[in-house]
Amino acid sequence: NNCTYCIASHTASAFGKGMTDGMFKELQAVIGMANETNKLVTGYQVEVDERFKPPLPKK
């Protein structure tokens, strides 16, 4: 949600539970790729695949 407090508290908590600098950098890379993909799909107005449209099948 891009809240400064949330980012700081969750980051501190993750480091407190053993996250390394390398893990943090990898996490940031994954978040960046997801954000970029989301922006591209939104910009190109890509249609949702039929299999993902509601109603979703029950398991």
C-alpha atoms as a PDB file:
ATOM      1  CA  ASN A   1       0.000   0.000   0.000  1.00  0.00           C
ATOM      2  CA  ASN A   2       3.108   2.213  -0.126  1.00  0.00           C
ATOM      3  CA  CYS A   3       2.593   3.373   3.486  1.00  0.00           C
ATOM      4  CA  THR A   4       5.899   4.525   4.997  1.00  0.00           C
ATOM      5  CA  TYR A   5       4.989   3.113   8.416  1.00  0.00           C
ATOM      6  CA  CYS A   6       3.972  -0.282   6.981  1.00  0.00           C
ATOM      7  CA  ILE A   7       7.112  -0.539   4.860  1.00  0.00           C
ATOM      8  CA  ALA A   8       9.363   0.295   7.819  1.00  0.00           C
ATOM      9  CA  SER A   9       7.624  -2.009  10.298  1.00  0.00           C
ATOM     10  CA  HIS A  10       7.337  -5.003   7.947  1.00  0.00           C
ATOM     11  CA  THR A  11      10.942  -4.594   6.782  1.00  0.00           C
ATOM     12  CA  ALA A  12      12.213  -4.416  10.368  1.00  0.00           C
ATOM     13  CA  SER A  13      10.129  -7.457  11.291  1.00  0.00           C
ATOM     14  CA  ALA A  14      11.466  -9.462   8.340  1.00  0.00           C
ATOM     15  CA  PHE A  15      15.076  -8.588   9.187  1.00  0.00           C
ATOM     16  CA  GLY A  16      14.326  -9.515  12.799  1.00  0.00           C
ATOM     17  CA  LYS A  17      13.144 -12.942  11.652  1.00  0.00           C
ATOM     18  CA  GLY A  18      16.339 -13.550   9.685  1.00  0.00           C
ATOM     19  CA  MET A  19      15.924 -11.938   6.282  1.00  0.00           C
ATOM     20  CA  THR A  20      19.346 -11.159   4.802  1.00  0.00           C
ATOM     21  CA  ASP A  21      20.351  -8.194   2.654  1.00  0.00           C
ATOM     22  CA  GLY A  22      20.451 -10.570  -0.324  1.00  0.00           C
ATOM     23  CA  MET A  23      16.923 -11.785   0.368  1.00  0.00           C
ATOM     24  CA  PHE A  24      15.717  -8.195   0.678  1.00  0.00           C
ATOM     25  CA  LYS A  25      17.284  -7.266  -2.671  1.00  0.00           C
ATOM     26  CA  GLU A  26      15.704 -10.291  -4.340  1.00  0.00           C
ATOM     27  CA  LEU A  27      12.328  -9.397  -2.834  1.00  0.00           C
ATOM     28  CA  GLN A  28      12.621  -5.857  -4.192  1.00  0.00           C
ATOM     29  CA  ALA A  29      13.475  -7.227  -7.655  1.00  0.00           C
ATOM     30  CA  VAL A  30      10.411  -9.502  -7.639  1.00  0.00           C
ATOM     31  CA  ILE A  31       8.172  -6.641  -6.488  1.00  0.00           C
ATOM     32  CA  GLY A  32       9.611  -4.435  -9.232  1.00  0.00           C
ATOM     33  CA  MET A  33       8.936  -7.045 -11.924  1.00  0.00           C
ATOM     34  CA  ALA A  34       5.378  -7.568 -10.688  1.00  0.00           C
ATOM     35  CA  ASN A  35       4.773  -3.816 -10.670  1.00  0.00           C
ATOM     36  CA  GLU A  36       6.195  -3.428 -14.178  1.00  0.00           C
ATOM     37  CA  THR A  37       4.067  -6.288 -15.504  1.00  0.00           C
ATOM     38  CA  ASN A  38       0.968  -4.806 -13.889  1.00  0.00           C
ATOM     39  CA  LYS A  39       1.624  -1.402 -15.479  1.00  0.00           C
ATOM     40  CA  LEU A  40       2.188  -2.951 -18.931  1.00  0.00           C
ATOM     41  CA  VAL A  41      -0.975  -5.057 -18.765  1.00  0.00           C
ATOM     42  CA  THR A  42      -2.979  -2.048 -17.606  1.00  0.00           C
ATOM     43  CA  GLY A  43      -1.474   0.207 -20.266  1.00  0.00           C
ATOM     44  CA  TYR A  44      -2.102  -2.275 -23.069  1.00  0.00           C
ATOM     45  CA  GLN A  45      -5.561  -3.077 -21.661  1.00  0.00           C
ATOM     46  CA  VAL A  46      -4.925  -6.806 -21.945  1.00  0.00           C
ATOM     47  CA  GLU A  47      -8.116  -8.869 -21.765  1.00  0.00           C
ATOM     48  CA  VAL A  48      -8.447 -11.261 -18.844  1.00  0.00           C
ATOM     49  CA  ASP A  49      -8.080 -14.918 -19.872  1.00  0.00           C
ATOM     50  CA  GLU A  50     -11.418 -16.739 -19.914  1.00  0.00           C
ATOM     51  CA  ARG A  51     -10.170 -19.212 -17.295  1.00  0.00           C
ATOM     52  CA  PHE A  52      -9.632 -16.356 -14.823  1.00  0.00           C
ATOM     53  CA  LYS A  53     -12.979 -14.623 -15.316  1.00  0.00           C
ATOM     54  CA  PRO A  54     -15.659 -15.048 -12.649  1.00  0.00           C
ATOM     55  CA  PRO A  55     -17.288 -17.248 -11.681  1.00  0.00           C
ATOM     56  CA  LEU A  56     -14.220 -19.326 -10.873  1.00  0.00           C
ATOM     57  CA  PRO A  57     -14.686 -23.099 -10.765  1.00  0.00           C
ATOM     58  CA  LYS A  58     -15.251 -24.614  -7.345  1.00  0.00           C
ATOM     59  CA  LYS A  59     -12.675 -27.093  -6.104  1.00  0.00           C
END
